[in-house]
Every structure is written in C-alpha cells, then in structure tokens.
Protein backbone atom coordinates (compact mmCIF):
# COMPACT_ATOMS: atom_id res chain seq x y z
CA MET A 1 -39.81 -5.95 -9.65
CA GLN A 2 -37.21 -3.83 -11.46
CA LEU A 3 -35.98 -2.40 -8.14
CA ARG A 4 -35.55 -5.93 -6.79
CA ARG A 5 -33.44 -6.95 -9.81
CA LEU A 6 -31.31 -3.84 -9.43
CA THR A 7 -30.79 -4.59 -5.74
CA LEU A 8 -29.82 -8.21 -6.47
CA ALA A 9 -27.45 -7.15 -9.25
CA THR A 10 -25.82 -4.53 -7.04
CA SER A 11 -25.44 -7.02 -4.17
CA ALA A 12 -23.91 -9.65 -6.46
CA ALA A 13 -21.45 -7.13 -7.90
CA ALA A 14 -20.43 -6.01 -4.41
CA LEU A 15 -19.81 -9.60 -3.28
CA LEU A 16 -17.69 -10.34 -6.36
CA ALA A 17 -15.65 -7.18 -5.83
CA LEU A 18 -14.94 -8.17 -2.23
CA ALA A 19 -14.06 -11.79 -3.06
CA ALA A 20 -11.64 -11.10 -5.93
CA PRO A 21 -8.86 -9.37 -3.96
CA ALA A 22 -8.89 -12.05 -1.28
CA SER A 23 -8.03 -14.86 -3.69
CA ALA A 24 -6.07 -13.07 -6.39
CA HIS A 25 -2.60 -12.85 -4.92
CA THR A 26 -1.58 -15.94 -2.91
CA PRO A 27 2.22 -16.33 -2.68
CA LEU A 28 3.89 -19.48 -4.02
CA PHE A 29 7.43 -20.52 -3.04
CA ALA A 30 9.50 -23.69 -3.31
CA CYS A 31 13.19 -24.58 -2.94
CA TYR A 32 15.20 -27.41 -4.50
CA ASP A 33 18.57 -29.01 -3.75
CA MET A 34 20.50 -28.75 -7.02
CA GLY A 35 23.42 -30.86 -5.75
CA GLY A 36 26.93 -29.75 -4.90
CA GLY A 37 25.60 -27.57 -2.08
CA ALA A 38 23.50 -25.30 -4.36
CA ILE A 39 19.91 -24.50 -3.38
CA LEU A 40 17.50 -22.93 -5.90
CA CYS A 41 14.28 -21.26 -4.80
CA GLU A 42 11.45 -20.09 -7.04
CA GLY A 43 8.59 -17.78 -6.13
CA GLY A 44 5.53 -16.19 -7.62
CA PHE A 45 1.87 -15.44 -7.03
CA SER A 46 -1.25 -17.45 -7.79
CA ASP A 47 -2.56 -14.78 -10.14
CA GLY A 48 0.52 -15.25 -12.34
CA SER A 49 2.23 -12.01 -11.34
CA SER A 50 5.99 -11.92 -10.99
CA ALA A 51 7.72 -12.06 -7.63
CA ALA A 52 10.94 -10.52 -8.98
CA GLY A 53 12.52 -8.31 -6.33
CA THR A 54 10.78 -10.06 -3.43
CA ALA A 55 12.98 -10.40 -0.35
CA VAL A 56 14.34 -13.83 0.55
CA HIS A 57 16.02 -14.61 3.88
CA VAL A 58 18.04 -17.70 4.76
CA LEU A 59 17.69 -18.39 8.49
CA ASP A 60 19.78 -20.59 10.75
CA GLY A 61 18.33 -23.09 13.22
CA GLU A 62 17.81 -20.31 15.77
CA GLY A 63 15.83 -18.16 13.32
CA GLU A 64 18.66 -15.68 12.79
CA VAL A 65 19.20 -14.32 9.28
CA VAL A 66 22.44 -15.66 7.77
CA LEU A 67 21.82 -14.44 4.20
CA ASP A 68 19.58 -11.79 2.66
CA GLY A 69 18.71 -11.64 -1.00
CA GLU A 70 15.88 -11.20 -3.45
CA LEU A 71 14.30 -13.07 -6.32
CA ASN A 72 15.88 -12.18 -9.67
CA ALA A 73 14.06 -11.25 -12.91
CA ASN A 74 13.15 -14.94 -13.34
CA SER A 75 11.72 -15.04 -9.77
CA GLU A 76 14.62 -17.28 -8.65
CA PHE A 77 17.14 -17.12 -5.83
CA GLU A 78 20.17 -19.41 -5.62
CA PHE A 79 22.54 -19.80 -2.68
CA GLU A 80 25.02 -22.22 -1.15
CA ARG A 81 23.51 -24.45 1.54
CA PRO A 82 24.66 -23.23 4.97
CA GLU A 83 26.11 -25.54 7.60
CA GLY A 84 23.62 -26.89 10.13
CA ALA A 85 19.88 -26.42 10.30
CA TYR A 86 18.33 -23.72 8.13
CA SER A 87 15.13 -22.51 6.49
CA VAL A 88 14.34 -20.09 3.67
CA ARG A 89 11.73 -17.32 3.96
CA PHE A 90 9.91 -15.65 1.04
CA ASP A 91 8.89 -12.23 2.38
CA ALA A 92 6.49 -10.19 0.26
CA GLY A 93 5.01 -8.45 3.32
CA GLU A 94 2.31 -9.14 5.87
CA GLY A 95 0.14 -12.08 4.84
CA HIS A 96 2.53 -12.95 2.02
CA ARG A 97 5.32 -14.81 3.83
CA ILE A 98 6.25 -18.44 3.34
CA GLU A 99 9.00 -20.28 5.20
CA VAL A 100 10.43 -23.51 3.79
CA PRO A 101 12.30 -25.64 6.37
CA GLN A 102 15.37 -27.55 5.20
CA ASP A 103 13.60 -30.91 5.51
CA GLU A 104 11.18 -29.80 2.74
CA ILE A 105 14.02 -28.99 0.31
CA PHE A 106 14.71 -31.95 -2.00
C-alpha cells in the first residue's frame, strides 16, 4: 500500500513538472494606433515576465523587414507607421513569435 502511494505521488509530481514549462511562458503582443502616424506596441509573457529587449520587426506587404528594433525597459516599442501594407513581428525565438497585421492595429 505504501509503495502504491509513493508511485502515485511520484507520477503526479512528474506530470506537474512536465506541464508547468509548457504553459508558463506564452508570449503576448499587441499594437495600437496612437494617431499622427505613431504606432505603439507592447509585449510580455503570460507568466508576468518582462519582454524588455525582445526583437521587434516591422515588415512591409511583401514580408521584407523595413525596421528593426526591440522592446524598451517598459516592454514597449514605438515607430512611425510605414507607407503601404505592413505588419509587426514580436520575435522572442522559436515558438515565441507573434505577428500583428496592420488591420489588427487600432
């Protein structure tokens, strides 16, 4: 009986250890039209950790990078809206990229 409890406890602990990293660090990213041609983007992670220093790329309609930057100490990035179609990519590495198309920037 004691061995069974130990086995169940060990199995439960292993499952929790595997599940925690998978859900602990989801990227969050949104951009807003501030008027006058200014666009402000904010990023972070679902576990509350800062995204300061995370790469941000502004892409034209063909997917070519027209501006590179990074989130500042407040996890923000501001830029002037480019001419034509564009999107903004938050790039914290594989599995942590979000692209916001211009039609989702209000």
